[in-house]
Amino acid sequence: MAENNTILKVENLKTWFPIKKGLLRRTVGYVRAVDDISFDVPSGSTFGLVGESGSGKTTAARTIARLIHATAGKVYFEGKDILQLPPPKLRKMRKDISIVFQDPYSSLNPRMTVGSIIAEPLKVHNISKGSELIDRIAMLLEKVGLSASHINRYPHEFSGGQRQRIGIARALALEPKIVICDEPVSALDVSIQSQILNLLKDLQEQFRLTYLFIAHDLSVVEFISNSVAVMYLGKIVEIAPAAALYERPLHPYTKLLLSAIPRPVPERKRAVFQSGGGGVQTIEGCPFAGRCPAADGFCCKSIPPLKEFEAGHKAACFKAQ
């Protein structure tokens, strides 16, 4: 199923969580956290997945990494559907897909030293032992801007930015082909964010990595991504090359997100997109209809397909032009 240089292909992925009520805990409905999304990630690129909290982007990423069970759909990694892999083959595949978590505090075990944290995946996969293991850990620490002398320290001795560097070093330990970055800078100060983003770009060139970059801040995604998909209530509402998305957004939700980005020149006027409604999710129609000022009765009854308006630029909106 691999096309050209596509390393990751997601087709009609769904992750629904049952809603149970009553004494017998019967299923009365589902939370459609990820609801029929599809996209391709070219090898060596950075694919951004953005949206507000609760849009389903983190659930999508964890489903792709098989940390959460998928309800339906397919995820092809180098032509193989990883959702169908049996445990022995899945274990081998895990070396190729790693993840950097959002919170640099809770993602590191406080009872383990930095060396033990980075060594854990190497030991699980029987890759390095003895002095070779120590040398590899030291090399990884230096690659992420830390010192080999930190190997025997504990996470509480480091700042948030340094802890995230440790998390990145752990993610790179097995020499993965894809790194899922789940909002890796959202918990950091702005000055530290730029350092981590620059580090990720440098590491991408050195190790020829492919990133699936999750974020809610479009200015961060603009800096690092080649292509961007915008999610809202479990669905992808727009997908495009990064430059095209920021220059000419098509979906009202994307326009709303872009209008919320702070500008460095406060006195400069810019168009502000106003949303309407109160964020009520429609069951039958477009998920954004309750907030969209352009929505009409047809939008509330029909789900817009993800339609291509320009080369590589798609939007799920009846009003897009």
Protein backbone atom coordinates (compact mmCIF):
# COMPACT_ATOMS: atom_id res chain seq x y z
CA MET A 1 0.00 0.00 0.00
CA ALA A 2 3.02 2.33 0.09
CA GLU A 3 2.73 5.09 -2.51
CA ASN A 4 5.87 6.82 -3.77
CA ASN A 5 7.74 7.84 -0.63
CA THR A 6 4.75 7.55 1.73
CA ILE A 7 5.92 5.94 4.95
CA LEU A 8 2.64 6.22 6.91
CA LYS A 9 -0.83 5.97 5.40
CA VAL A 10 -3.97 6.28 7.53
CA GLU A 11 -7.27 5.17 6.00
CA ASN A 12 -10.71 5.74 7.55
CA LEU A 13 -9.41 5.47 11.11
CA LYS A 14 -12.01 5.42 13.87
CA THR A 15 -11.56 5.30 17.63
CA TRP A 16 -14.84 5.32 19.54
CA PHE A 17 -15.25 4.98 23.30
CA PRO A 18 -18.48 3.45 24.67
CA ILE A 19 -20.75 5.43 27.00
CA LYS A 20 -22.14 3.10 29.65
CA LYS A 21 -25.04 3.81 32.00
CA GLY A 22 -27.24 2.02 34.46
CA LEU A 23 -26.68 -0.77 36.92
CA LEU A 24 -25.82 -3.22 34.16
CA ARG A 25 -23.45 -0.72 32.50
CA ARG A 26 -25.11 -1.02 29.12
CA THR A 27 -23.68 0.87 26.18
CA VAL A 28 -26.01 3.74 25.32
CA GLY A 29 -23.77 5.58 22.87
CA TYR A 30 -20.23 6.37 21.83
CA VAL A 31 -17.75 9.20 22.12
CA ARG A 32 -16.38 9.49 18.58
CA ALA A 33 -12.92 10.69 19.54
CA VAL A 34 -11.53 9.86 16.09
CA ASP A 35 -14.18 9.57 13.42
CA ASP A 36 -13.12 8.40 9.96
CA ILE A 37 -9.87 10.28 9.25
CA SER A 38 -7.41 9.64 6.41
CA PHE A 39 -4.03 11.16 5.54
CA ASP A 40 -0.57 10.30 4.14
CA VAL A 41 2.81 11.14 5.65
CA PRO A 42 5.77 11.25 3.22
CA SER A 43 9.09 9.87 4.44
CA GLY A 44 11.43 12.47 5.93
CA SER A 45 8.70 15.11 6.32
CA THR A 46 6.84 16.63 9.25
CA PHE A 47 3.06 16.21 9.23
CA GLY A 48 1.26 18.52 11.62
CA LEU A 49 -2.03 17.54 13.27
CA VAL A 50 -3.69 20.53 14.94
CA GLY A 51 -6.91 21.39 16.72
CA GLU A 52 -8.23 22.58 20.05
CA SER A 53 -8.29 20.40 23.15
CA GLY A 54 -10.73 17.53 22.69
CA SER A 55 -10.48 17.49 18.91
CA GLY A 56 -9.09 13.95 18.92
CA LYS A 57 -5.55 14.58 17.70
CA THR A 58 -3.79 12.87 20.61
CA THR A 59 -6.19 9.93 20.47
CA ALA A 60 -5.41 9.60 16.76
CA ALA A 61 -1.67 9.61 17.43
CA ARG A 62 -1.91 7.02 20.19
CA THR A 63 -4.14 4.83 18.06
CA ILE A 64 -1.56 4.94 15.27
CA ALA A 65 1.13 3.92 17.78
CA ARG A 66 -1.21 1.14 18.99
CA LEU A 67 -1.34 2.51 22.51
CA ILE A 68 -5.13 2.68 22.08
CA HIS A 69 -7.26 0.10 20.31
CA ALA A 70 -8.79 1.27 17.01
CA THR A 71 -12.50 0.74 16.38
CA ALA A 72 -12.07 0.58 12.60
CA GLY A 73 -9.78 1.64 9.79
CA LYS A 74 -6.27 0.87 8.60
CA VAL A 75 -2.83 2.26 9.36
CA TYR A 76 -0.15 1.30 6.86
CA PHE A 77 3.49 1.64 7.89
CA GLU A 78 5.83 0.93 4.97
CA GLY A 79 2.97 -0.91 3.26
CA LYS A 80 1.92 -3.09 6.22
CA ASP A 81 -1.28 -2.61 8.18
CA ILE A 82 0.08 -2.33 11.72
CA LEU A 83 -3.40 -2.57 13.26
CA GLN A 84 -3.50 -6.22 12.14
CA LEU A 85 -0.02 -7.24 13.30
CA PRO A 86 0.19 -10.12 15.80
CA PRO A 87 2.13 -9.46 19.04
CA PRO A 88 5.53 -10.84 17.85
CA LYS A 89 5.56 -8.65 14.71
CA LEU A 90 4.11 -5.71 16.60
CA ARG A 91 7.02 -5.88 19.04
CA LYS A 92 9.49 -5.58 16.15
CA MET A 93 7.52 -2.71 14.62
CA ARG A 94 7.64 -0.72 17.87
CA LYS A 95 11.34 -0.07 17.25
CA ASP A 96 10.40 1.97 14.18
CA ILE A 97 7.69 4.16 15.73
CA SER A 98 8.42 6.05 18.94
CA ILE A 99 6.68 8.84 20.80
CA VAL A 100 7.59 12.02 22.69
CA PHE A 101 4.93 12.79 25.28
CA GLN A 102 3.45 16.16 26.17
CA ASP A 103 4.29 16.40 29.86
CA PRO A 104 8.05 16.22 30.54
CA TYR A 105 7.31 15.67 34.24
CA SER A 106 4.85 12.75 34.31
CA SER A 107 6.42 10.97 31.30
CA LEU A 108 9.69 10.26 33.15
CA ASN A 109 9.81 7.80 36.04
CA PRO A 110 11.07 9.79 39.08
CA ARG A 111 12.61 6.66 40.63
CA MET A 112 14.84 5.94 37.63
CA THR A 113 18.05 7.69 36.68
CA VAL A 114 18.40 9.35 33.31
CA GLY A 115 20.63 6.52 32.18
CA SER A 116 18.07 3.89 33.20
CA ILE A 117 15.25 5.76 31.44
CA ILE A 118 17.11 5.89 28.14
CA ALA A 119 18.49 2.35 28.54
CA GLU A 120 15.07 0.77 29.14
CA PRO A 121 13.97 0.44 25.48
CA LEU A 122 17.47 -0.75 24.52
CA LYS A 123 17.32 -3.50 27.13
CA VAL A 124 13.77 -4.52 26.22
CA HIS A 125 14.83 -5.07 22.60
CA ASN A 126 18.23 -6.57 23.52
CA ILE A 127 20.16 -4.04 21.45
CA SER A 128 23.05 -2.97 23.67
CA LYS A 129 24.76 -4.23 26.81
CA GLY A 130 27.61 -3.28 29.12
CA SER A 131 29.99 -0.55 28.03
CA GLU A 132 28.35 -0.34 24.60
CA LEU A 133 25.06 0.54 26.31
CA ILE A 134 26.71 3.28 28.39
CA ASP A 135 28.41 4.73 25.32
CA ARG A 136 25.13 4.78 23.41
CA ILE A 137 23.33 6.55 26.24
CA ALA A 138 26.10 9.15 26.47
CA MET A 139 25.91 9.71 22.72
CA LEU A 140 22.14 10.22 22.84
CA LEU A 141 22.43 12.70 25.71
CA GLU A 142 24.97 14.73 23.79
CA LYS A 143 22.81 14.65 20.66
CA VAL A 144 19.95 16.32 22.52
CA GLY A 145 22.15 18.97 24.11
CA LEU A 146 22.84 17.38 27.49
CA SER A 147 26.04 16.04 29.02
CA ALA A 148 27.14 12.45 29.49
CA SER A 149 27.75 13.40 33.15
CA HIS A 150 23.96 13.57 33.62
CA ILE A 151 23.59 9.82 33.22
CA ASN A 152 23.33 9.11 36.97
CA ARG A 153 21.03 11.99 37.86
CA TYR A 154 17.29 11.82 38.47
CA PRO A 155 14.53 13.68 36.59
CA HIS A 156 13.75 16.05 39.49
CA GLU A 157 17.23 17.55 39.10
CA PHE A 158 16.38 18.95 35.66
CA SER A 159 14.24 21.78 34.32
CA GLY A 160 11.20 21.18 32.12
CA GLY A 161 13.15 21.81 28.92
CA GLN A 162 15.94 19.47 29.99
CA ARG A 163 13.42 16.77 30.88
CA GLN A 164 11.89 17.03 27.44
CA ARG A 165 15.35 16.58 25.95
CA ILE A 166 15.65 13.38 27.99
CA GLY A 167 12.30 12.25 26.58
CA ILE A 168 13.55 12.95 23.06
CA ALA A 169 16.74 10.99 23.72
CA ARG A 170 14.64 8.03 24.90
CA ALA A 171 12.50 8.27 21.76
CA LEU A 172 15.61 8.15 19.57
CA ALA A 173 17.24 5.27 21.43
CA LEU A 174 15.97 2.57 19.03
CA GLU A 175 16.73 4.60 15.89
CA PRO A 176 13.06 4.89 14.85
CA LYS A 177 11.82 5.90 11.42
CA ILE A 178 8.81 7.83 12.73
CA VAL A 179 8.61 9.92 15.89
CA ILE A 180 5.18 10.97 17.13
CA CYS A 181 5.56 14.31 18.92
CA ASP A 182 2.48 14.73 21.12
CA GLU A 183 2.49 18.46 21.91
CA PRO A 184 6.17 18.31 22.95
CA VAL A 185 6.50 22.05 23.65
CA SER A 186 3.07 23.04 24.99
CA ALA A 187 4.17 22.68 28.64
CA LEU A 188 7.35 24.73 28.15
CA ASP A 189 8.19 28.44 28.27
CA VAL A 190 8.22 30.24 24.93
CA SER A 191 12.01 30.67 24.89
CA ILE A 192 12.49 26.97 25.64
CA GLN A 193 9.93 26.03 22.98
CA SER A 194 12.11 27.51 20.25
CA GLN A 195 15.12 25.57 21.50
CA ILE A 196 13.24 22.26 21.46
CA LEU A 197 11.76 22.95 18.01
CA ASN A 198 15.19 23.77 16.59
CA LEU A 199 16.56 20.61 18.22
CA LEU A 200 13.81 18.51 16.61
CA LYS A 201 14.60 19.97 13.18
CA ASP A 202 18.32 19.30 13.61
CA LEU A 203 17.69 15.73 14.74
CA GLN A 204 15.36 15.17 11.78
CA GLU A 205 18.20 15.99 9.39
CA GLN A 206 20.79 13.93 11.27
CA PHE A 207 18.69 10.80 11.69
CA ARG A 208 16.42 11.20 8.61
CA LEU A 209 13.33 11.12 10.79
CA THR A 210 9.67 11.48 9.90
CA TYR A 211 7.55 13.42 12.40
CA LEU A 212 3.85 13.28 13.18
CA PHE A 213 3.65 16.54 15.11
CA ILE A 214 0.62 17.11 17.36
CA ALA A 215 -0.14 20.66 18.56
CA HIS A 216 -2.88 23.16 19.26
CA ASP A 217 -0.67 26.17 18.50
CA LEU A 218 -0.69 26.87 14.77
CA SER A 219 2.34 29.18 14.97
CA VAL A 220 4.40 26.25 16.26
CA VAL A 221 3.08 23.96 13.55
CA GLU A 222 3.82 26.57 10.89
CA PHE A 223 7.48 26.62 11.91
CA ILE A 224 8.11 22.88 11.78
CA SER A 225 5.54 21.23 9.47
CA ASN A 226 5.52 20.50 5.75
CA SER A 227 1.84 19.53 5.66
CA VAL A 228 -0.95 20.23 8.14
CA ALA A 229 -4.28 18.57 8.94
CA VAL A 230 -6.83 20.43 11.07
CA MET A 231 -9.07 18.32 13.32
CA TYR A 232 -12.38 19.24 14.91
CA LEU A 233 -14.52 16.87 17.00
CA GLY A 234 -12.78 13.78 15.68
CA LYS A 235 -12.81 14.71 11.99
CA ILE A 236 -10.25 16.26 9.67
CA VAL A 237 -11.85 19.46 8.36
CA GLU A 238 -8.91 20.70 6.29
CA ILE A 239 -5.62 19.34 5.05
CA ALA A 240 -3.01 21.13 2.94
CA PRO A 241 0.67 21.96 2.50
CA ALA A 242 1.67 24.28 5.36
CA ALA A 243 2.26 27.34 3.17
CA ALA A 244 -1.11 26.98 1.42
CA LEU A 245 -2.98 26.51 4.68
CA TYR A 246 -1.61 29.67 6.26
CA GLU A 247 -1.88 31.80 3.12
CA ARG A 248 -5.38 30.76 2.09
CA PRO A 249 -7.34 28.77 4.70
CA LEU A 250 -10.62 27.40 3.38
CA HIS A 251 -12.50 26.04 6.38
CA PRO A 252 -14.14 28.45 8.87
CA TYR A 253 -12.59 26.56 11.81
CA THR A 254 -9.09 26.96 10.36
CA LYS A 255 -9.75 30.68 9.90
CA LEU A 256 -10.86 30.87 13.53
CA LEU A 257 -7.66 29.20 14.75
CA LEU A 258 -5.45 31.42 12.60
CA SER A 259 -7.17 34.60 13.78
CA ALA A 260 -6.32 33.64 17.38
CA ILE A 261 -2.54 33.56 16.77
CA PRO A 262 -0.87 36.49 18.61
CA ARG A 263 1.03 38.92 16.37
CA PRO A 264 4.36 40.58 17.29
CA VAL A 265 3.08 44.01 16.18
CA PRO A 266 -0.03 44.77 18.31
CA GLU A 267 -0.98 47.96 16.48
CA ARG A 268 -1.15 46.18 13.12
CA LYS A 269 -4.75 45.48 12.18
CA ARG A 270 -5.75 42.02 11.06
CA ALA A 271 -8.96 40.30 10.17
CA VAL A 272 -10.53 38.48 13.10
CA PHE A 273 -12.84 35.60 12.28
CA GLN A 274 -15.91 35.57 14.48
CA SER A 275 -17.53 32.25 15.31
CA GLY A 276 -21.21 31.98 15.93
CA GLY A 277 -23.29 29.71 18.10
CA GLY A 278 -22.19 28.06 21.30
CA GLY A 279 -20.21 25.10 20.07
CA VAL A 280 -23.16 22.71 19.91
CA GLN A 281 -22.28 19.53 18.03
CA THR A 282 -24.83 18.51 15.42
CA ILE A 283 -25.49 14.80 15.17
CA GLU A 284 -26.47 14.59 11.52
CA GLY A 285 -24.55 17.38 9.80
CA CYS A 286 -21.26 19.24 9.83
CA PRO A 287 -19.61 19.04 13.27
CA PHE A 288 -18.73 22.76 13.10
CA ALA A 289 -22.21 23.92 12.11
CA GLY A 290 -23.07 25.00 15.65
CA ARG A 291 -20.22 27.55 15.67
CA CYS A 292 -20.03 28.51 12.02
CA PRO A 293 -21.49 31.94 11.07
CA ALA A 294 -22.01 30.76 7.48
CA ALA A 295 -23.89 27.56 8.35
CA ASP A 296 -27.42 27.06 7.08
CA GLY A 297 -30.03 24.35 7.35
CA PHE A 298 -28.31 22.17 4.77
CA CYS A 299 -25.04 22.23 6.80
CA CYS A 300 -26.90 20.99 9.88
CA LYS A 301 -28.33 18.00 8.02
CA SER A 302 -25.49 16.85 5.77
CA ILE A 303 -21.86 15.96 6.50
CA PRO A 304 -19.54 17.73 4.04
CA PRO A 305 -17.00 15.45 2.32
CA LEU A 306 -13.29 16.24 2.37
CA LYS A 307 -13.09 17.78 -1.09
CA GLU A 308 -9.95 18.86 -2.97
CA PHE A 309 -10.14 22.53 -4.00
CA GLU A 310 -6.51 22.96 -5.07
CA ALA A 311 -3.57 20.62 -5.54
CA GLY A 312 -3.16 18.88 -2.18
CA HIS A 313 -5.52 21.33 -0.45
CA LYS A 314 -8.72 19.73 0.85
CA ALA A 315 -11.51 21.02 3.05
CA ALA A 316 -14.74 19.56 4.45
CA CYS A 317 -17.03 22.55 4.00
CA PHE A 318 -19.98 23.32 1.73
CA LYS A 319 -19.16 27.05 1.89
CA ALA A 320 -15.44 26.81 1.07
CA GLN A 321 -14.36 28.62 -2.10
